[in-house]
Amino acid sequence: MRASWTGNISWGLVSIPVKIYSATKSKQVSFKMLCKQHKVPVHYKMVCENGEELKKDDIVMGLEFEKGNYFILDAEEIKNLKPKRTDNLEIYEFVDVDKIEPLYYDKSYYMVPQKKKDKAFFLLKELLDEMKKAAIGKVVIKNKEYLCAILPYKKGLLLSILHYYDEIRSIDELENLDEVPKISEKEKELGKMLIEKYYSKEFELSKYKDTFMEELKELIRRKMEGEEIVVEEAKEREEVSLMEALKASIEK
């Protein structure tokens, strides 16, 4: 597996050579837009709002500073604005792990030492684990600067990319949350019973499968064999009271 980034953690005057590897992989299915008649891929032409077809050399990058007015930047100027690639990840502070809300996390990477038995790497891992702390720092990956958290994870460390503050939307912007209905003790009791019914002591991620790809392959096979596919209409759910739904769920 190829490392996504190789560099050093700066922990005070301590330098820890590390490598990071993507901890997840994408399983997205990519459909192509095809011409209905000829069954060939559809291509787009670049056309400006005045209707003129453009070539790549006719295009410049602009930033809209007010409606309809743009500040033009050439490729060299944009390149110079990008953060320079660096092999240094500086730790700015340590925080309690539970102070980092789940919403803040974006992508995660496995972090390993560049050399075997690196005492500084395993000291940091052990202390983060014992003290329930996360190290907060910044790292430049592929000419983009990221805020990140370093956390202990199994045999190594986890580098988690964090969203910046202005990337987080406020829940206060959303509707229907300010008026909380009165919930009866009986409803709470039934709700707890329903939670206990589905409670698992351990969360086993491996038992949950992405069935979309298997169903897609089966659909394609059936269509290739000439089978007519009939799509059933989804049944409308019957309106029932919360109490009735809780009771029925427990008895199910």
C-alpha atoms as a PDB file:
ATOM      1  CA  MET A   1       0.000   0.000   0.000  1.00  0.00           C
ATOM      2  CA  ARG A   2       1.333   3.434  -0.931  1.00  0.00           C
ATOM      3  CA  ALA A   3       1.652   6.022   1.833  1.00  0.00           C
ATOM      4  CA  SER A   4      -0.562   9.113   1.469  1.00  0.00           C
ATOM      5  CA  TRP A   5       1.995  11.269   3.279  1.00  0.00           C
ATOM      6  CA  THR A   6       5.455  10.819   4.789  1.00  0.00           C
ATOM      7  CA  GLY A   7       6.935  13.269   7.272  1.00  0.00           C
ATOM      8  CA  ASN A   8       7.606  14.125  10.893  1.00  0.00           C
ATOM      9  CA  ILE A   9       5.436  14.925  13.895  1.00  0.00           C
ATOM     10  CA  SER A  10       6.844  17.926  15.759  1.00  0.00           C
ATOM     11  CA  TRP A  11       6.111  17.323  19.446  1.00  0.00           C
ATOM     12  CA  GLY A  12       7.912  20.148  21.228  1.00  0.00           C
ATOM     13  CA  LEU A  13      11.566  19.463  20.403  1.00  0.00           C
ATOM     14  CA  VAL A  14      10.806  15.787  19.727  1.00  0.00           C
ATOM     15  CA  SER A  15      10.591  14.743  16.073  1.00  0.00           C
ATOM     16  CA  ILE A  16       8.772  11.517  15.141  1.00  0.00           C
ATOM     17  CA  PRO A  17       9.158  10.207  11.545  1.00  0.00           C
ATOM     18  CA  VAL A  18       5.804   8.757  10.435  1.00  0.00           C
ATOM     19  CA  LYS A  19       3.825   7.604   7.421  1.00  0.00           C
ATOM     20  CA  ILE A  20       0.063   7.710   6.943  1.00  0.00           C
ATOM     21  CA  TYR A  21      -2.181   5.404   4.922  1.00  0.00           C
ATOM     22  CA  SER A  22      -5.831   5.880   4.017  1.00  0.00           C
ATOM     23  CA  ALA A  23      -7.935   3.962   6.553  1.00  0.00           C
ATOM     24  CA  THR A  24     -10.975   3.579   4.296  1.00  0.00           C
ATOM     25  CA  LYS A  25     -11.723   2.883   0.632  1.00  0.00           C
ATOM     26  CA  SER A  26     -14.591   4.038  -1.532  1.00  0.00           C
ATOM     27  CA  LYS A  27     -17.113   1.524  -2.904  1.00  0.00           C
ATOM     28  CA  GLN A  28     -19.213   3.994  -4.846  1.00  0.00           C
ATOM     29  CA  VAL A  29     -20.879   2.784  -8.031  1.00  0.00           C
ATOM     30  CA  SER A  30     -20.260   5.082 -10.990  1.00  0.00           C
ATOM     31  CA  PHE A  31     -22.962   5.259 -13.647  1.00  0.00           C
ATOM     32  CA  LYS A  32     -22.263   6.930 -16.997  1.00  0.00           C
ATOM     33  CA  MET A  33     -24.743   9.112 -18.837  1.00  0.00           C
ATOM     34  CA  LEU A  34     -25.452   7.555 -22.256  1.00  0.00           C
ATOM     35  CA  CYS A  35     -27.271   8.674 -25.367  1.00  0.00           C
ATOM     36  CA  LYS A  36     -30.641   6.903 -25.250  1.00  0.00           C
ATOM     37  CA  GLN A  37     -30.569   6.144 -28.994  1.00  0.00           C
ATOM     38  CA  HIS A  38     -26.920   5.209 -29.626  1.00  0.00           C
ATOM     39  CA  LYS A  39     -25.957   3.902 -26.151  1.00  0.00           C
ATOM     40  CA  VAL A  40     -22.662   5.832 -26.151  1.00  0.00           C
ATOM     41  CA  PRO A  41     -21.289   8.223 -23.471  1.00  0.00           C
ATOM     42  CA  VAL A  42     -22.530  11.821 -23.432  1.00  0.00           C
ATOM     43  CA  HIS A  43     -19.908  14.586 -23.606  1.00  0.00           C
ATOM     44  CA  TYR A  44     -20.320  18.212 -22.613  1.00  0.00           C
ATOM     45  CA  LYS A  45     -19.149  21.241 -24.522  1.00  0.00           C
ATOM     46  CA  MET A  46     -17.854  24.293 -22.675  1.00  0.00           C
ATOM     47  CA  VAL A  47     -20.161  27.192 -23.507  1.00  0.00           C
ATOM     48  CA  CYS A  48     -20.151  30.630 -21.898  1.00  0.00           C
ATOM     49  CA  GLU A  49     -23.362  32.417 -20.923  1.00  0.00           C
ATOM     50  CA  ASN A  50     -23.209  34.359 -24.185  1.00  0.00           C
ATOM     51  CA  GLY A  51     -23.544  31.072 -26.080  1.00  0.00           C
ATOM     52  CA  GLU A  52     -19.974  30.951 -27.413  1.00  0.00           C
ATOM     53  CA  GLU A  53     -18.250  27.543 -27.449  1.00  0.00           C
ATOM     54  CA  LEU A  54     -14.885  27.642 -25.655  1.00  0.00           C
ATOM     55  CA  LYS A  55     -11.569  25.814 -25.749  1.00  0.00           C
ATOM     56  CA  LYS A  56      -9.421  25.160 -22.686  1.00  0.00           C
ATOM     57  CA  ASP A  57      -7.140  28.113 -23.500  1.00  0.00           C
ATOM     58  CA  ASP A  58     -10.144  30.466 -23.508  1.00  0.00           C
ATOM     59  CA  ILE A  59     -10.863  29.855 -19.824  1.00  0.00           C
ATOM     60  CA  VAL A  60      -9.497  31.810 -16.835  1.00  0.00           C
ATOM     61  CA  MET A  61     -10.187  31.386 -13.105  1.00  0.00           C
ATOM     62  CA  GLY A  62     -12.239  34.070 -11.400  1.00  0.00           C
ATOM     63  CA  LEU A  63     -13.516  34.734  -7.900  1.00  0.00           C
ATOM     64  CA  GLU A  64     -16.929  36.454  -7.644  1.00  0.00           C
ATOM     65  CA  PHE A  65     -16.609  39.322  -5.149  1.00  0.00           C
ATOM     66  CA  GLU A  66     -20.063  40.735  -5.937  1.00  0.00           C
ATOM     67  CA  LYS A  67     -22.932  39.606  -8.153  1.00  0.00           C
ATOM     68  CA  GLY A  68     -21.665  39.443 -11.755  1.00  0.00           C
ATOM     69  CA  ASN A  69     -18.223  40.913 -10.973  1.00  0.00           C
ATOM     70  CA  TYR A  70     -15.163  38.673 -10.861  1.00  0.00           C
ATOM     71  CA  PHE A  71     -11.562  39.068  -9.764  1.00  0.00           C
ATOM     72  CA  ILE A  72      -9.365  37.203 -12.279  1.00  0.00           C
ATOM     73  CA  LEU A  73      -6.368  35.154 -11.080  1.00  0.00           C
ATOM     74  CA  ASP A  74      -3.960  33.383 -13.403  1.00  0.00           C
ATOM     75  CA  ALA A  75      -2.736  29.823 -12.776  1.00  0.00           C
ATOM     76  CA  GLU A  76       0.642  30.982 -11.419  1.00  0.00           C
ATOM     77  CA  GLU A  77      -0.956  33.311  -8.868  1.00  0.00           C
ATOM     78  CA  ILE A  78      -3.283  30.542  -7.652  1.00  0.00           C
ATOM     79  CA  LYS A  79      -0.325  28.142  -7.447  1.00  0.00           C
ATOM     80  CA  ASN A  80       1.599  30.606  -5.270  1.00  0.00           C
ATOM     81  CA  LEU A  81      -1.401  30.952  -2.914  1.00  0.00           C
ATOM     82  CA  LYS A  82      -1.535  27.214  -2.241  1.00  0.00           C
ATOM     83  CA  PRO A  83       0.283  26.016   0.903  1.00  0.00           C
ATOM     84  CA  LYS A  84       3.742  24.681   0.132  1.00  0.00           C
ATOM     85  CA  ARG A  85       4.199  20.942   0.569  1.00  0.00           C
ATOM     86  CA  THR A  86       5.980  20.221   3.853  1.00  0.00           C
ATOM     87  CA  ASP A  87       7.071  17.092   5.669  1.00  0.00           C
ATOM     88  CA  ASN A  88       6.241  18.553   9.079  1.00  0.00           C
ATOM     89  CA  LEU A  89       3.101  18.011  11.184  1.00  0.00           C
ATOM     90  CA  GLU A  90       3.237  20.385  14.119  1.00  0.00           C
ATOM     91  CA  ILE A  91       1.264  19.614  17.273  1.00  0.00           C
ATOM     92  CA  TYR A  92      -0.330  22.813  18.623  1.00  0.00           C
ATOM     93  CA  GLU A  93      -2.202  21.470  21.640  1.00  0.00           C
ATOM     94  CA  PHE A  94      -3.638  18.438  23.419  1.00  0.00           C
ATOM     95  CA  VAL A  95      -7.344  18.117  24.255  1.00  0.00           C
ATOM     96  CA  ASP A  96      -9.625  15.578  25.891  1.00  0.00           C
ATOM     97  CA  VAL A  97     -10.868  13.128  23.247  1.00  0.00           C
ATOM     98  CA  ASP A  98     -14.501  13.565  24.312  1.00  0.00           C
ATOM     99  CA  LYS A  99     -14.266  17.324  23.618  1.00  0.00           C
ATOM    100  CA  ILE A 100     -14.015  16.631  19.869  1.00  0.00           C
ATOM    101  CA  GLU A 101     -17.580  16.238  18.660  1.00  0.00           C
ATOM    102  CA  PRO A 102     -18.251  13.442  16.101  1.00  0.00           C
ATOM    103  CA  LEU A 103     -19.434  16.097  13.648  1.00  0.00           C
ATOM    104  CA  TYR A 104     -15.904  17.541  13.500  1.00  0.00           C
ATOM    105  CA  TYR A 105     -14.345  14.390  11.988  1.00  0.00           C
ATOM    106  CA  ASP A 106     -13.922  13.992   8.237  1.00  0.00           C
ATOM    107  CA  LYS A 107     -11.439  11.464   6.761  1.00  0.00           C
ATOM    108  CA  SER A 108      -9.128   9.161   8.734  1.00  0.00           C
ATOM    109  CA  TYR A 109      -5.662   7.744   8.092  1.00  0.00           C
ATOM    110  CA  TYR A 110      -3.628   5.054   9.842  1.00  0.00           C
ATOM    111  CA  MET A 111      -0.355   6.458  11.179  1.00  0.00           C
ATOM    112  CA  VAL A 112       2.727   4.255  11.634  1.00  0.00           C
ATOM    113  CA  PRO A 113       6.382   4.949  12.501  1.00  0.00           C
ATOM    114  CA  GLN A 114       8.908   5.049   9.661  1.00  0.00           C
ATOM    115  CA  LYS A 115      11.251   2.786  11.600  1.00  0.00           C
ATOM    116  CA  LYS A 116      10.792  -0.169  13.918  1.00  0.00           C
ATOM    117  CA  LYS A 117      10.762   0.274  17.697  1.00  0.00           C
ATOM    118  CA  ASP A 118      10.537   4.067  17.506  1.00  0.00           C
ATOM    119  CA  LYS A 119      10.336   4.887  21.215  1.00  0.00           C
ATOM    120  CA  ALA A 120       8.995   8.431  20.666  1.00  0.00           C
ATOM    121  CA  PHE A 121       6.112   7.129  18.499  1.00  0.00           C
ATOM    122  CA  PHE A 122       5.042   4.496  21.017  1.00  0.00           C
ATOM    123  CA  LEU A 123       5.514   6.882  23.955  1.00  0.00           C
ATOM    124  CA  LEU A 124       3.094   9.332  22.301  1.00  0.00           C
ATOM    125  CA  LYS A 125       0.616   6.537  21.539  1.00  0.00           C
ATOM    126  CA  GLU A 126       0.752   5.165  25.098  1.00  0.00           C
ATOM    127  CA  LEU A 127       0.330   8.587  26.733  1.00  0.00           C
ATOM    128  CA  LEU A 128      -2.581   9.564  24.482  1.00  0.00           C
ATOM    129  CA  ASP A 129      -4.212   6.242  25.344  1.00  0.00           C
ATOM    130  CA  GLU A 130      -3.653   6.485  29.105  1.00  0.00           C
ATOM    131  CA  MET A 131      -4.580  10.162  29.379  1.00  0.00           C
ATOM    132  CA  LYS A 132      -7.545   9.955  26.929  1.00  0.00           C
ATOM    133  CA  LYS A 133      -6.113  12.858  24.941  1.00  0.00           C
ATOM    134  CA  ALA A 134      -5.914  13.834  21.267  1.00  0.00           C
ATOM    135  CA  ALA A 135      -3.125  15.877  19.700  1.00  0.00           C
ATOM    136  CA  ILE A 136      -4.316  18.761  17.492  1.00  0.00           C
ATOM    137  CA  GLY A 137      -2.142  19.949  14.624  1.00  0.00           C
ATOM    138  CA  LYS A 138      -1.977  20.863  10.943  1.00  0.00           C
ATOM    139  CA  VAL A 139      -0.659  18.914   7.978  1.00  0.00           C
ATOM    140  CA  VAL A 140      -0.279  19.697   4.256  1.00  0.00           C
ATOM    141  CA  ILE A 141      -1.336  16.798   2.001  1.00  0.00           C
ATOM    142  CA  LYS A 142      -1.212  17.293  -1.777  1.00  0.00           C
ATOM    143  CA  ASN A 143      -0.893  21.096  -1.503  1.00  0.00           C
ATOM    144  CA  LYS A 144      -3.866  21.459   0.826  1.00  0.00           C
ATOM    145  CA  GLU A 145      -3.590  22.339   4.502  1.00  0.00           C
ATOM    146  CA  TYR A 146      -5.728  20.313   6.903  1.00  0.00           C
ATOM    147  CA  LEU A 147      -6.580  20.622  10.577  1.00  0.00           C
ATOM    148  CA  CYS A 148      -6.132  17.209  12.169  1.00  0.00           C
ATOM    149  CA  ALA A 149      -6.293  15.179  15.373  1.00  0.00           C
ATOM    150  CA  ILE A 150      -3.899  12.376  16.299  1.00  0.00           C
ATOM    151  CA  LEU A 151      -5.532   9.650  18.388  1.00  0.00           C
ATOM    152  CA  PRO A 152      -4.422   6.245  19.708  1.00  0.00           C
ATOM    153  CA  TYR A 153      -5.914   3.367  17.722  1.00  0.00           C
ATOM    154  CA  LYS A 154      -5.205  -0.336  18.293  1.00  0.00           C
ATOM    155  CA  LYS A 155      -1.515  -1.002  17.466  1.00  0.00           C
ATOM    156  CA  GLY A 156      -0.808   2.476  16.121  1.00  0.00           C
ATOM    157  CA  LEU A 157      -2.171   5.984  15.779  1.00  0.00           C
ATOM    158  CA  LEU A 158      -5.044   7.451  13.813  1.00  0.00           C
ATOM    159  CA  LEU A 159      -4.728  10.754  11.994  1.00  0.00           C
ATOM    160  CA  SER A 160      -8.230  12.198  11.627  1.00  0.00           C
ATOM    161  CA  ILE A 161      -8.834  15.190   9.382  1.00  0.00           C
ATOM    162  CA  LEU A 162     -11.110  17.723  11.105  1.00  0.00           C
ATOM    163  CA  HIS A 163     -13.503  20.216   9.585  1.00  0.00           C
ATOM    164  CA  TYR A 164     -12.646  23.861  10.167  1.00  0.00           C
ATOM    165  CA  TYR A 165     -15.073  25.820  12.345  1.00  0.00           C
ATOM    166  CA  ASP A 166     -16.620  27.742   9.430  1.00  0.00           C
ATOM    167  CA  GLU A 167     -17.361  24.460   7.615  1.00  0.00           C
ATOM    168  CA  ILE A 168     -19.741  23.321  10.367  1.00  0.00           C
ATOM    169  CA  ARG A 169     -23.364  24.278   9.908  1.00  0.00           C
ATOM    170  CA  SER A 170     -25.286  25.306  13.008  1.00  0.00           C
ATOM    171  CA  ILE A 171     -28.145  23.054  14.065  1.00  0.00           C
ATOM    172  CA  ASP A 172     -29.944  26.247  15.143  1.00  0.00           C
ATOM    173  CA  GLU A 173     -30.551  26.990  11.444  1.00  0.00           C
ATOM    174  CA  LEU A 174     -32.942  24.033  11.204  1.00  0.00           C
ATOM    175  CA  GLU A 175     -36.660  23.918  11.842  1.00  0.00           C
ATOM    176  CA  ASN A 176     -38.942  21.850  14.113  1.00  0.00           C
ATOM    177  CA  LEU A 177     -36.447  21.474  16.993  1.00  0.00           C
ATOM    178  CA  ASP A 178     -37.401  24.272  19.379  1.00  0.00           C
ATOM    179  CA  GLU A 179     -40.829  23.009  20.471  1.00  0.00           C
ATOM    180  CA  VAL A 180     -40.321  19.755  22.403  1.00  0.00           C
ATOM    181  CA  PRO A 181     -43.525  17.717  22.927  1.00  0.00           C
ATOM    182  CA  LYS A 182     -44.397  16.270  26.331  1.00  0.00           C
ATOM    183  CA  ILE A 183     -43.304  12.636  26.552  1.00  0.00           C
ATOM    184  CA  SER A 184     -45.139  10.466  29.058  1.00  0.00           C
ATOM    185  CA  GLU A 185     -43.436   8.086  31.495  1.00  0.00           C
ATOM    186  CA  LYS A 186     -45.225   5.173  29.813  1.00  0.00           C
ATOM    187  CA  GLU A 187     -43.818   6.147  26.400  1.00  0.00           C
ATOM    188  CA  LYS A 188     -40.323   6.400  27.906  1.00  0.00           C
ATOM    189  CA  GLU A 189     -40.711   3.004  29.574  1.00  0.00           C
ATOM    190  CA  LEU A 190     -41.801   1.346  26.320  1.00  0.00           C
ATOM    191  CA  GLY A 191     -39.027   3.148  24.446  1.00  0.00           C
ATOM    192  CA  LYS A 192     -36.410   1.786  26.878  1.00  0.00           C
ATOM    193  CA  MET A 193     -37.812  -1.722  26.479  1.00  0.00           C
ATOM    194  CA  LEU A 194     -37.503  -1.392  22.696  1.00  0.00           C
ATOM    195  CA  ILE A 195     -33.889  -0.231  23.006  1.00  0.00           C
ATOM    196  CA  GLU A 196     -33.100  -3.186  25.306  1.00  0.00           C
ATOM    197  CA  LYS A 197     -34.664  -5.552  22.768  1.00  0.00           C
ATOM    198  CA  TYR A 198     -32.175  -4.467  20.097  1.00  0.00           C
ATOM    199  CA  TYR A 199     -29.215  -3.857  22.433  1.00  0.00           C
ATOM    200  CA  SER A 200     -25.816  -5.409  21.606  1.00  0.00           C
ATOM    201  CA  LYS A 201     -22.883  -5.336  24.040  1.00  0.00           C
ATOM    202  CA  GLU A 202     -20.381  -5.112  21.176  1.00  0.00           C
ATOM    203  CA  PHE A 203     -20.696  -3.184  17.911  1.00  0.00           C
ATOM    204  CA  GLU A 204     -19.634  -5.555  15.118  1.00  0.00           C
ATOM    205  CA  LEU A 205     -19.266  -3.497  11.955  1.00  0.00           C
ATOM    206  CA  SER A 206     -18.556  -6.633   9.884  1.00  0.00           C
ATOM    207  CA  LYS A 207     -22.116  -7.925  10.240  1.00  0.00           C
ATOM    208  CA  TYR A 208     -23.475  -5.005   8.212  1.00  0.00           C
ATOM    209  CA  LYS A 209     -23.090  -5.556   4.465  1.00  0.00           C
ATOM    210  CA  ASP A 210     -23.561  -3.166   1.557  1.00  0.00           C
ATOM    211  CA  THR A 211     -26.120  -5.148  -0.420  1.00  0.00           C
ATOM    212  CA  PHE A 212     -26.548  -2.578  -3.210  1.00  0.00           C
ATOM    213  CA  MET A 213     -23.760  -3.994  -5.421  1.00  0.00           C
ATOM    214  CA  GLU A 214     -25.051  -7.576  -5.128  1.00  0.00           C
ATOM    215  CA  GLU A 215     -28.590  -6.451  -5.930  1.00  0.00           C
ATOM    216  CA  LEU A 216     -27.296  -4.365  -8.850  1.00  0.00           C
ATOM    217  CA  LYS A 217     -25.380  -7.340 -10.310  1.00  0.00           C
ATOM    218  CA  GLU A 218     -28.462  -9.537  -9.946  1.00  0.00           C
ATOM    219  CA  LEU A 219     -30.623  -6.900 -11.673  1.00  0.00           C
ATOM    220  CA  ILE A 220     -28.134  -6.652 -14.589  1.00  0.00           C
ATOM    221  CA  ARG A 221     -28.003 -10.465 -14.907  1.00  0.00           C
ATOM    222  CA  ARG A 222     -31.780 -10.713 -15.047  1.00  0.00           C
ATOM    223  CA  LYS A 223     -32.047  -7.959 -17.649  1.00  0.00           C
ATOM    224  CA  MET A 224     -29.293  -9.560 -19.787  1.00  0.00           C
ATOM    225  CA  GLU A 225     -31.270 -12.804 -19.746  1.00  0.00           C
ATOM    226  CA  GLY A 226     -34.269 -10.925 -21.097  1.00  0.00           C
ATOM    227  CA  GLU A 227     -36.347 -10.966 -17.939  1.00  0.00           C
ATOM    228  CA  GLU A 228     -38.896  -8.188 -17.633  1.00  0.00           C
ATOM    229  CA  ILE A 229     -38.313  -6.282 -14.417  1.00  0.00           C
ATOM    230  CA  VAL A 230     -41.432  -5.141 -12.591  1.00  0.00           C
ATOM    231  CA  VAL A 231     -40.844  -2.440  -9.984  1.00  0.00           C
ATOM    232  CA  GLU A 232     -43.298  -2.753  -7.109  1.00  0.00           C
ATOM    233  CA  GLU A 233     -44.738   0.416  -5.691  1.00  0.00           C
ATOM    234  CA  ALA A 234     -43.718   1.120  -2.119  1.00  0.00           C
ATOM    235  CA  LYS A 235     -46.551   0.553   0.309  1.00  0.00           C
ATOM    236  CA  GLU A 236     -47.691   3.560   2.281  1.00  0.00           C
ATOM    237  CA  ARG A 237     -47.155   3.244   6.010  1.00  0.00           C
ATOM    238  CA  GLU A 238     -50.267   3.260   8.102  1.00  0.00           C
ATOM    239  CA  GLU A 239     -50.671   6.134  10.527  1.00  0.00           C
ATOM    240  CA  VAL A 240     -50.468   4.823  14.092  1.00  0.00           C
ATOM    241  CA  SER A 241     -49.904   6.534  17.418  1.00  0.00           C
ATOM    242  CA  LEU A 242     -46.484   6.483  19.069  1.00  0.00           C
ATOM    243  CA  MET A 243     -47.822   4.294  21.896  1.00  0.00           C
ATOM    244  CA  GLU A 244     -49.279   1.764  19.433  1.00  0.00           C
ATOM    245  CA  ALA A 245     -46.059   1.688  17.418  1.00  0.00           C
ATOM    246  CA  LEU A 246     -43.927   1.101  20.545  1.00  0.00           C
ATOM    247  CA  LYS A 247     -46.163  -1.710  21.801  1.00  0.00           C
ATOM    248  CA  ALA A 248     -46.285  -3.409  18.395  1.00  0.00           C
ATOM    249  CA  SER A 249     -42.483  -3.159  18.025  1.00  0.00           C
ATOM    250  CA  ILE A 250     -41.877  -4.807  21.409  1.00  0.00           C
ATOM    251  CA  GLU A 251     -44.361  -7.613  20.687  1.00  0.00           C
ATOM    252  CA  LYS A 252     -42.993  -8.221  17.185  1.00  0.00           C
END
